[in-house]
N, C-alpha and C. Protein backbone atom coordinates (compact mmCIF):
# COMPACT_ATOMS: atom_id res chain seq x y z
N MET A 1 -4.33 139.97 208.78
CA MET A 1 -4.75 140.77 207.77
C MET A 1 -3.89 142.18 207.97
N THR A 2 -3.25 142.50 206.91
CA THR A 2 -2.33 143.66 206.82
C THR A 2 -2.98 145.01 206.79
N GLY A 3 -4.35 145.12 206.59
CA GLY A 3 -4.91 146.38 206.57
C GLY A 3 -5.08 147.04 205.07
N SER A 4 -4.29 146.16 204.18
CA SER A 4 -4.38 146.54 202.83
C SER A 4 -5.76 145.88 202.16
N ARG A 5 -6.20 146.37 201.11
CA ARG A 5 -7.38 145.72 200.37
C ARG A 5 -7.14 145.43 198.88
N GLU A 6 -7.62 144.34 198.72
CA GLU A 6 -7.54 143.92 197.28
C GLU A 6 -8.94 144.16 196.55
N ASN A 7 -8.89 144.99 195.61
CA ASN A 7 -10.20 145.15 194.84
C ASN A 7 -10.39 144.32 193.65
N LEU A 8 -11.36 143.56 193.76
CA LEU A 8 -11.83 142.67 192.59
C LEU A 8 -12.91 143.22 191.95
N THR A 9 -12.67 143.54 190.68
CA THR A 9 -13.88 144.01 189.58
C THR A 9 -14.47 142.93 189.12
N TYR A 10 -15.74 143.28 188.44
CA TYR A 10 -16.32 142.20 187.83
C TYR A 10 -15.56 141.64 186.66
N GLU A 11 -14.83 142.52 186.10
CA GLU A 11 -14.06 142.15 184.76
C GLU A 11 -12.91 141.21 185.42
N LYS A 12 -12.31 141.64 186.36
CA LYS A 12 -11.11 140.90 186.89
C LYS A 12 -11.67 139.49 187.33
N PHE A 13 -12.83 139.48 187.90
CA PHE A 13 -13.50 138.25 188.46
C PHE A 13 -13.89 137.31 187.28
N GLY A 14 -14.03 137.79 186.05
CA GLY A 14 -14.48 136.99 184.94
C GLY A 14 -12.97 136.23 184.53
N ARG A 15 -11.90 136.97 184.57
CA ARG A 15 -10.70 136.48 184.06
C ARG A 15 -10.27 135.40 185.24
N ALA A 16 -10.62 135.77 186.37
CA ALA A 16 -10.02 134.88 187.60
C ALA A 16 -10.79 133.50 187.45
N VAL A 17 -11.94 133.55 187.14
CA VAL A 17 -12.76 132.23 187.22
C VAL A 17 -12.42 131.43 185.94
N ARG A 18 -12.14 132.03 184.87
CA ARG A 18 -11.94 131.30 183.61
C ARG A 18 -10.52 130.73 183.84
N GLU A 19 -9.60 131.47 184.46
CA GLU A 19 -8.20 130.87 184.75
C GLU A 19 -8.33 129.60 185.86
N LEU A 20 -9.16 129.77 186.94
CA LEU A 20 -9.57 128.86 187.82
C LEU A 20 -10.02 127.71 187.23
N ALA A 21 -10.94 127.77 186.31
CA ALA A 21 -11.68 126.63 185.60
C ALA A 21 -10.64 125.90 184.74
N GLN A 22 -9.80 126.70 184.09
CA GLN A 22 -8.77 126.02 183.17
C GLN A 22 -7.77 125.12 184.05
N THR A 23 -7.39 125.74 185.20
CA THR A 23 -6.76 124.90 186.26
C THR A 23 -7.16 123.65 186.62
N ILE A 24 -8.56 123.65 186.85
CA ILE A 24 -9.33 122.49 187.23
C ILE A 24 -9.44 121.54 186.01
N ALA A 25 -9.71 122.08 184.89
CA ALA A 25 -9.74 121.17 183.69
C ALA A 25 -8.40 120.62 183.41
N ASP A 26 -7.38 121.34 183.44
CA ASP A 26 -5.90 120.84 183.23
C ASP A 26 -5.55 119.79 184.17
N ASP A 27 -6.28 119.75 185.42
CA ASP A 27 -5.84 118.81 186.37
C ASP A 27 -6.49 117.56 186.17
N GLY A 28 -7.63 117.54 185.31
CA GLY A 28 -8.28 116.31 184.95
C GLY A 28 -9.50 116.18 185.84
N PHE A 29 -9.78 117.04 186.72
CA PHE A 29 -11.07 116.78 187.66
C PHE A 29 -12.17 117.35 187.00
N GLU A 30 -13.22 116.41 187.01
CA GLU A 30 -14.45 116.73 186.35
C GLU A 30 -15.59 116.55 187.16
N PRO A 31 -15.96 117.44 187.99
CA PRO A 31 -16.94 117.36 188.98
C PRO A 31 -18.35 116.99 188.66
N ASP A 32 -19.15 116.06 189.32
CA ASP A 32 -20.44 115.80 189.07
C ASP A 32 -21.42 116.90 189.55
N VAL A 33 -20.91 117.64 190.74
CA VAL A 33 -21.67 118.61 191.40
C VAL A 33 -20.73 119.60 191.87
N VAL A 34 -21.26 120.90 191.54
CA VAL A 34 -20.62 122.03 192.12
C VAL A 34 -21.45 122.48 193.37
N LEU A 35 -20.88 122.65 194.48
CA LEU A 35 -21.58 122.93 195.70
C LEU A 35 -21.14 124.45 196.14
N SER A 36 -21.91 125.31 195.97
CA SER A 36 -21.86 126.68 196.25
C SER A 36 -21.87 126.94 197.71
N ILE A 37 -20.84 127.72 198.36
CA ILE A 37 -21.09 128.39 199.71
C ILE A 37 -21.71 129.67 199.54
N ALA A 38 -22.93 129.88 199.94
CA ALA A 38 -23.65 131.25 199.80
C ALA A 38 -23.02 132.08 200.99
N ARG A 39 -22.99 133.30 200.59
CA ARG A 39 -23.42 134.01 199.53
C ARG A 39 -22.38 134.21 198.37
N GLY A 40 -21.06 134.66 198.84
CA GLY A 40 -20.08 134.82 197.75
C GLY A 40 -19.67 133.80 196.97
N GLY A 41 -19.93 132.55 197.29
CA GLY A 41 -19.63 131.36 196.39
C GLY A 41 -20.59 131.11 195.33
N VAL A 42 -21.81 131.75 195.44
CA VAL A 42 -22.80 131.58 194.35
C VAL A 42 -22.17 131.97 193.03
N PHE A 43 -21.53 133.19 192.99
CA PHE A 43 -20.90 133.67 191.76
C PHE A 43 -19.97 132.84 191.21
N VAL A 44 -19.03 132.37 192.08
CA VAL A 44 -17.85 131.45 191.76
C VAL A 44 -18.54 130.18 191.10
N ALA A 45 -19.37 129.50 191.94
CA ALA A 45 -19.92 128.30 191.44
C ALA A 45 -20.63 128.22 190.16
N GLY A 46 -21.50 129.46 189.96
CA GLY A 46 -22.22 129.51 188.68
C GLY A 46 -21.15 129.56 187.53
N ALA A 47 -20.21 130.35 187.59
CA ALA A 47 -19.16 130.67 186.60
C ALA A 47 -18.41 129.40 186.31
N LEU A 48 -17.94 128.75 187.42
CA LEU A 48 -17.13 127.45 187.30
C LEU A 48 -17.97 126.48 186.62
N ALA A 49 -19.25 126.34 187.08
CA ALA A 49 -20.22 125.20 186.45
C ALA A 49 -20.32 125.43 185.07
N TYR A 50 -20.50 126.60 184.52
CA TYR A 50 -20.72 126.90 183.04
C TYR A 50 -19.30 126.56 182.33
N ALA A 51 -18.22 127.08 182.85
CA ALA A 51 -16.95 126.78 182.34
C ALA A 51 -16.48 125.26 182.29
N LEU A 52 -16.95 124.63 183.33
CA LEU A 52 -16.61 123.08 183.38
C LEU A 52 -17.70 122.25 182.83
N ASP A 53 -18.80 122.83 182.23
CA ASP A 53 -20.00 122.18 181.75
C ASP A 53 -20.60 121.19 182.62
N CYS A 54 -20.72 121.68 183.88
CA CYS A 54 -21.58 120.90 184.94
C CYS A 54 -22.80 121.54 185.39
N LYS A 55 -23.84 120.76 185.05
CA LYS A 55 -25.05 121.36 185.07
C LYS A 55 -25.80 121.19 186.56
N ASN A 56 -25.10 120.45 187.50
CA ASN A 56 -25.71 119.96 188.66
C ASN A 56 -25.00 120.89 189.66
N ILE A 57 -25.73 121.95 190.21
CA ILE A 57 -25.31 122.83 191.18
C ILE A 57 -26.16 122.80 192.51
N HIS A 58 -25.58 122.79 193.42
CA HIS A 58 -26.22 122.72 194.77
C HIS A 58 -25.77 123.94 195.62
N LEU A 59 -26.49 124.37 196.65
CA LEU A 59 -26.12 125.55 197.46
C LEU A 59 -26.32 125.19 198.83
N VAL A 60 -25.39 125.63 199.57
CA VAL A 60 -25.38 125.55 201.14
C VAL A 60 -25.14 127.03 201.76
N ASN A 61 -26.00 127.34 202.68
CA ASN A 61 -25.90 128.65 203.21
C ASN A 61 -25.20 128.43 204.57
N VAL A 62 -24.06 129.24 204.68
CA VAL A 62 -23.38 129.23 205.95
C VAL A 62 -23.19 130.60 206.33
N GLU A 63 -23.48 130.79 207.65
CA GLU A 63 -23.26 132.14 208.19
C GLU A 63 -22.14 132.16 209.10
N PHE A 64 -21.07 133.15 208.97
CA PHE A 64 -19.81 133.16 209.76
C PHE A 64 -19.39 134.60 210.04
N TYR A 65 -19.20 135.31 208.84
CA TYR A 65 -18.71 136.63 208.82
C TYR A 65 -19.88 137.68 209.38
N THR A 66 -19.61 138.55 210.24
CA THR A 66 -20.60 139.53 210.74
C THR A 66 -20.08 140.97 210.37
N GLY A 67 -18.95 140.98 209.79
CA GLY A 67 -18.43 142.40 209.41
C GLY A 67 -17.06 142.21 208.97
N VAL A 68 -16.28 143.23 208.65
CA VAL A 68 -14.86 143.22 208.18
C VAL A 68 -14.08 142.74 209.33
N GLY A 69 -13.52 141.47 209.38
CA GLY A 69 -12.69 140.84 210.32
C GLY A 69 -13.42 140.41 211.64
N THR A 70 -14.83 140.34 211.55
CA THR A 70 -15.69 139.95 212.70
C THR A 70 -16.43 138.72 212.40
N THR A 71 -16.40 137.75 213.11
CA THR A 71 -17.10 136.64 212.86
C THR A 71 -17.92 136.02 214.00
N LEU A 72 -18.79 135.05 213.71
CA LEU A 72 -19.47 134.36 214.91
C LEU A 72 -18.37 133.43 215.53
N SER A 73 -18.64 132.70 216.65
CA SER A 73 -17.53 131.80 217.23
C SER A 73 -17.30 130.56 216.32
N MET A 74 -18.21 130.24 215.56
CA MET A 74 -17.97 129.10 214.61
C MET A 74 -19.16 129.28 213.50
N PRO A 75 -18.78 128.77 212.25
CA PRO A 75 -19.70 128.87 211.15
C PRO A 75 -20.90 127.97 211.35
N VAL A 76 -22.05 128.33 210.87
CA VAL A 76 -23.21 127.60 211.09
C VAL A 76 -23.99 127.35 209.64
N MET A 77 -24.28 126.16 209.47
CA MET A 77 -25.17 126.06 208.18
C MET A 77 -26.67 126.32 208.44
N LEU A 78 -27.17 127.22 207.53
CA LEU A 78 -28.47 127.58 207.70
C LEU A 78 -29.47 126.72 206.94
N ALA A 79 -30.68 126.81 207.33
CA ALA A 79 -31.70 125.76 206.68
C ALA A 79 -32.07 126.56 205.36
N PRO A 80 -32.35 125.76 204.28
CA PRO A 80 -32.28 124.34 204.23
C PRO A 80 -31.00 123.81 203.99
N VAL A 81 -30.60 122.76 204.81
CA VAL A 81 -29.32 122.21 204.69
C VAL A 81 -29.50 121.05 203.46
N PRO A 82 -28.46 120.96 202.67
CA PRO A 82 -28.67 119.93 201.60
C PRO A 82 -28.63 118.71 202.18
N ASN A 83 -29.23 117.68 201.37
CA ASN A 83 -29.31 116.30 201.76
C ASN A 83 -27.98 115.74 201.14
N ALA A 84 -27.19 115.08 202.11
CA ALA A 84 -26.03 114.46 201.82
C ALA A 84 -26.24 113.42 200.71
N ILE A 85 -27.34 112.72 200.76
CA ILE A 85 -27.65 111.55 199.73
C ILE A 85 -27.38 112.15 198.32
N ASP A 86 -27.74 113.37 198.12
CA ASP A 86 -27.67 113.96 196.75
C ASP A 86 -26.28 114.11 196.22
N PHE A 87 -25.21 113.79 197.26
CA PHE A 87 -23.86 113.81 196.78
C PHE A 87 -23.22 112.35 196.70
N SER A 88 -24.00 111.38 197.00
CA SER A 88 -23.52 110.02 197.17
C SER A 88 -22.79 109.54 195.93
N ASN A 89 -21.51 109.05 196.14
CA ASN A 89 -20.65 108.63 194.98
C ASN A 89 -20.40 109.48 193.94
N LYS A 90 -20.64 111.00 194.22
CA LYS A 90 -20.27 111.85 193.27
C LYS A 90 -19.03 112.52 193.57
N LYS A 91 -18.30 113.17 192.47
CA LYS A 91 -17.24 114.00 192.64
C LYS A 91 -17.77 115.56 192.75
N VAL A 92 -17.37 116.06 194.01
CA VAL A 92 -17.90 117.36 194.33
C VAL A 92 -16.88 118.38 194.30
N LEU A 93 -17.19 119.49 193.71
CA LEU A 93 -16.37 120.78 193.76
C LEU A 93 -16.94 121.83 194.51
N ILE A 94 -16.42 122.05 195.84
CA ILE A 94 -16.97 123.14 196.66
C ILE A 94 -16.47 124.48 196.13
N ALA A 95 -17.24 125.41 195.88
CA ALA A 95 -16.77 126.74 195.36
C ALA A 95 -17.22 127.81 196.36
N ASP A 96 -16.10 128.49 196.60
CA ASP A 96 -16.34 129.80 197.44
C ASP A 96 -15.62 131.00 196.96
N ASP A 97 -15.86 132.23 197.42
CA ASP A 97 -15.03 133.39 197.01
C ASP A 97 -13.66 133.42 197.60
N VAL A 98 -13.60 133.13 199.03
CA VAL A 98 -12.39 133.27 199.62
C VAL A 98 -12.33 132.14 200.71
N ALA A 99 -11.05 131.71 200.88
CA ALA A 99 -10.79 130.76 202.18
C ALA A 99 -9.94 131.64 203.06
N ASP A 100 -10.65 132.28 204.03
CA ASP A 100 -9.94 133.21 204.96
C ASP A 100 -9.50 132.44 206.19
N SER A 101 -10.29 132.14 207.29
CA SER A 101 -9.78 131.27 208.22
C SER A 101 -9.93 129.76 207.84
N GLY A 102 -10.70 129.57 206.73
CA GLY A 102 -11.06 128.11 206.31
C GLY A 102 -12.04 127.48 207.00
N GLU A 103 -12.57 127.94 208.12
CA GLU A 103 -13.59 127.44 208.91
C GLU A 103 -14.78 127.09 208.23
N THR A 104 -15.35 128.01 207.39
CA THR A 104 -16.57 127.71 206.60
C THR A 104 -16.26 126.46 205.52
N LEU A 105 -15.18 126.58 204.88
CA LEU A 105 -14.86 125.49 203.91
C LEU A 105 -14.70 124.16 204.71
N LYS A 106 -13.98 124.13 205.77
CA LYS A 106 -13.85 122.93 206.65
C LYS A 106 -15.31 122.47 206.93
N LEU A 107 -16.09 123.19 207.36
CA LEU A 107 -17.47 122.77 207.78
C LEU A 107 -18.20 122.06 206.60
N VAL A 108 -18.20 122.78 205.44
CA VAL A 108 -18.80 122.16 204.22
C VAL A 108 -17.97 120.86 203.73
N HIS A 109 -16.74 120.88 203.72
CA HIS A 109 -15.92 119.72 203.38
C HIS A 109 -16.16 118.51 204.30
N ASP A 110 -16.31 118.83 205.59
CA ASP A 110 -16.53 117.72 206.54
C ASP A 110 -17.90 117.09 206.39
N PHE A 111 -18.91 118.06 205.98
CA PHE A 111 -20.26 117.58 205.65
C PHE A 111 -20.34 116.57 204.50
N CYS A 112 -19.47 116.84 203.56
CA CYS A 112 -19.40 116.00 202.35
C CYS A 112 -18.70 114.77 202.34
N VAL A 113 -17.57 114.94 203.08
CA VAL A 113 -16.51 113.91 202.88
C VAL A 113 -16.86 112.44 203.01
N ASP A 114 -17.76 112.15 203.85
CA ASP A 114 -18.11 110.65 204.03
C ASP A 114 -19.11 110.24 203.11
N HIS A 115 -19.58 111.05 202.32
CA HIS A 115 -20.80 110.73 201.37
C HIS A 115 -20.38 110.64 200.00
N VAL A 116 -19.24 111.21 199.61
CA VAL A 116 -18.96 111.50 198.27
C VAL A 116 -17.72 110.50 197.78
N ALA A 117 -17.69 110.47 196.44
CA ALA A 117 -16.58 109.73 195.89
C ALA A 117 -15.21 110.66 196.01
N GLU A 118 -15.35 111.91 195.80
CA GLU A 118 -14.22 112.85 196.02
C GLU A 118 -14.67 114.06 196.02
N VAL A 119 -13.99 114.97 196.98
CA VAL A 119 -14.36 116.26 197.20
C VAL A 119 -13.15 117.14 197.12
N ARG A 120 -13.28 118.26 196.38
CA ARG A 120 -12.10 119.21 196.16
C ARG A 120 -12.71 120.62 196.34
N SER A 121 -11.83 121.64 196.64
CA SER A 121 -12.32 122.91 196.90
C SER A 121 -11.58 123.95 195.92
N ALA A 122 -12.40 124.89 195.40
CA ALA A 122 -12.04 126.03 194.61
C ALA A 122 -12.29 127.26 195.00
N VAL A 123 -11.40 128.31 195.13
CA VAL A 123 -11.61 129.61 195.60
C VAL A 123 -11.02 130.63 194.69
N ILE A 124 -11.57 131.86 194.71
CA ILE A 124 -10.73 132.85 194.01
C ILE A 124 -9.55 133.20 194.81
N TYR A 125 -9.65 133.51 196.10
CA TYR A 125 -8.56 133.80 196.94
C TYR A 125 -8.48 132.94 198.17
N GLU A 126 -7.17 132.74 198.59
CA GLU A 126 -6.93 132.01 199.71
C GLU A 126 -5.89 132.68 200.50
N LYS A 127 -6.22 132.86 201.93
CA LYS A 127 -5.35 133.53 202.86
C LYS A 127 -4.30 132.45 203.37
N PRO A 128 -3.13 132.95 203.84
CA PRO A 128 -2.04 132.20 204.45
C PRO A 128 -2.56 131.48 205.73
N GLN A 129 -3.53 132.04 206.52
CA GLN A 129 -3.95 131.36 207.75
C GLN A 129 -5.10 130.50 207.57
N SER A 130 -5.51 130.18 206.42
CA SER A 130 -6.72 129.20 206.20
C SER A 130 -6.18 127.96 206.62
N GLN A 131 -7.05 127.43 207.52
CA GLN A 131 -6.77 125.95 207.99
C GLN A 131 -7.11 124.88 206.93
N VAL A 132 -7.80 125.25 205.82
CA VAL A 132 -8.13 124.34 204.78
C VAL A 132 -7.16 124.91 203.57
N LYS A 133 -6.29 124.05 203.00
CA LYS A 133 -5.55 124.46 201.91
C LYS A 133 -6.35 123.84 200.60
N CYS A 134 -6.86 124.84 199.81
CA CYS A 134 -7.86 124.28 198.73
C CYS A 134 -6.94 123.82 197.45
N GLU A 135 -7.42 122.81 196.88
CA GLU A 135 -6.84 122.42 195.60
C GLU A 135 -6.71 123.29 194.65
N TYR A 136 -7.69 124.17 194.45
CA TYR A 136 -7.58 125.24 193.38
C TYR A 136 -7.89 126.54 193.90
N VAL A 137 -6.75 127.44 193.56
CA VAL A 137 -6.69 128.80 194.27
C VAL A 137 -6.28 129.80 193.06
N TRP A 138 -7.09 130.75 192.73
CA TRP A 138 -6.57 131.71 191.72
C TRP A 138 -5.43 132.72 192.38
N LYS A 139 -5.53 133.05 193.62
CA LYS A 139 -4.58 134.01 194.05
C LYS A 139 -4.51 133.92 195.54
N SER A 140 -3.32 133.78 196.15
CA SER A 140 -3.16 133.93 197.58
C SER A 140 -2.98 135.43 197.90
N THR A 141 -3.48 135.81 199.13
CA THR A 141 -3.46 137.21 199.66
C THR A 141 -3.60 137.21 201.20
N ASP A 142 -3.05 138.27 201.85
CA ASP A 142 -3.39 138.40 203.23
C ASP A 142 -4.08 139.73 203.31
N SER A 143 -4.61 140.28 202.17
CA SER A 143 -5.44 141.54 202.27
C SER A 143 -6.88 141.08 202.36
N TRP A 144 -7.66 142.06 202.98
CA TRP A 144 -8.98 141.99 202.82
C TRP A 144 -9.51 142.23 201.51
N ILE A 145 -10.57 141.52 201.01
CA ILE A 145 -10.94 141.61 199.56
C ILE A 145 -12.31 142.27 199.41
N ASN A 146 -12.17 143.40 198.51
CA ASN A 146 -13.54 143.98 198.27
C ASN A 146 -14.02 143.27 197.08
N PHE A 147 -15.03 142.37 197.19
CA PHE A 147 -15.63 141.73 196.18
C PHE A 147 -16.83 142.66 195.56
N PRO A 148 -16.79 142.64 194.09
CA PRO A 148 -17.75 143.52 193.40
C PRO A 148 -19.34 143.45 193.96
N TRP A 149 -19.76 142.25 194.41
CA TRP A 149 -21.02 141.95 194.78
C TRP A 149 -21.36 142.35 196.11
N SER A 150 -20.26 142.71 196.93
CA SER A 150 -20.46 143.03 198.41
C SER A 150 -19.80 144.27 198.83
N VAL A 151 -19.28 144.96 197.98
CA VAL A 151 -18.57 146.23 198.31
C VAL A 151 -19.49 147.32 198.54
N GLU A 152 -20.63 147.48 197.88
CA GLU A 152 -21.77 148.33 198.20
C GLU A 152 -22.70 147.81 199.16
N PRO A 153 -23.29 148.74 199.99
CA PRO A 153 -24.13 148.32 200.95
C PRO A 153 -25.49 147.81 200.40
N PRO A 154 -26.29 147.00 201.11
CA PRO A 154 -27.54 146.63 200.48
C PRO A 154 -28.38 147.83 200.15
N VAL A 155 -29.37 147.62 199.15
CA VAL A 155 -30.38 148.60 198.71
C VAL A 155 -31.44 148.60 199.71
N VAL A 156 -31.66 147.60 200.48
CA VAL A 156 -32.76 147.54 201.37
C VAL A 156 -32.16 147.04 202.70
N ARG A 157 -32.82 147.35 203.88
CA ARG A 157 -32.40 146.75 205.12
C ARG A 157 -33.49 145.99 205.69
N ARG A 158 -33.19 144.67 206.15
CA ARG A 158 -34.08 143.78 206.53
C ARG A 158 -34.13 143.59 208.09
N GLY A 159 -34.50 144.64 208.78
CA GLY A 159 -34.63 144.41 210.14
C GLY A 159 -33.45 144.07 211.05
N ARG A 160 -32.16 144.27 210.42
CA ARG A 160 -30.96 144.18 211.12
C ARG A 160 -30.09 145.34 210.82
N GLN A 161 -29.02 145.42 211.60
CA GLN A 161 -27.98 146.51 211.34
C GLN A 161 -27.18 146.04 210.19
N VAL A 162 -27.20 146.98 209.20
CA VAL A 162 -26.28 146.90 208.10
C VAL A 162 -25.14 147.74 208.21
N ARG A 163 -23.92 147.23 207.98
CA ARG A 163 -22.69 148.03 208.15
C ARG A 163 -22.17 148.38 206.71
N ASP A 164 -21.76 149.64 206.62
CA ASP A 164 -21.31 150.17 205.46
C ASP A 164 -19.77 149.99 205.56
N PHE A 165 -19.07 149.27 204.68
CA PHE A 165 -17.71 148.89 204.85
C PHE A 165 -16.84 149.79 204.13
């Protein structure tokens, strides 16, 4: 990370996700399921699902980042973990906001790969150091990204330290 920051507004996000969806459509990939990596991937997955006319959306909760540039030692899927049988013989599009280290995407990809017909990944941003190279990327960057849904601190605190970034 260079110390610089990329600011994504909701308006810019709207353009980014439409361009990303067009790239997926132009590639001929028609997912049966869009699998969202919560939390940032929820926004991306919902917008892609609408743009690609896919009504089957699933969600997986993964905890990894604890702050700006700080992570757990490895990503962890949180309950409830999706049932892999729901993806059997389906074309799955994994959606997330950013492929930073790629560890979260790798965890979810590895969870799916043995059960599905095909799995591909789509992100708004991909960092050069990502160990997973996504099939669909709107923009490559080495900056920290300020996403519009996470740039402001929470309005409530739920029994844990909340950091203002």
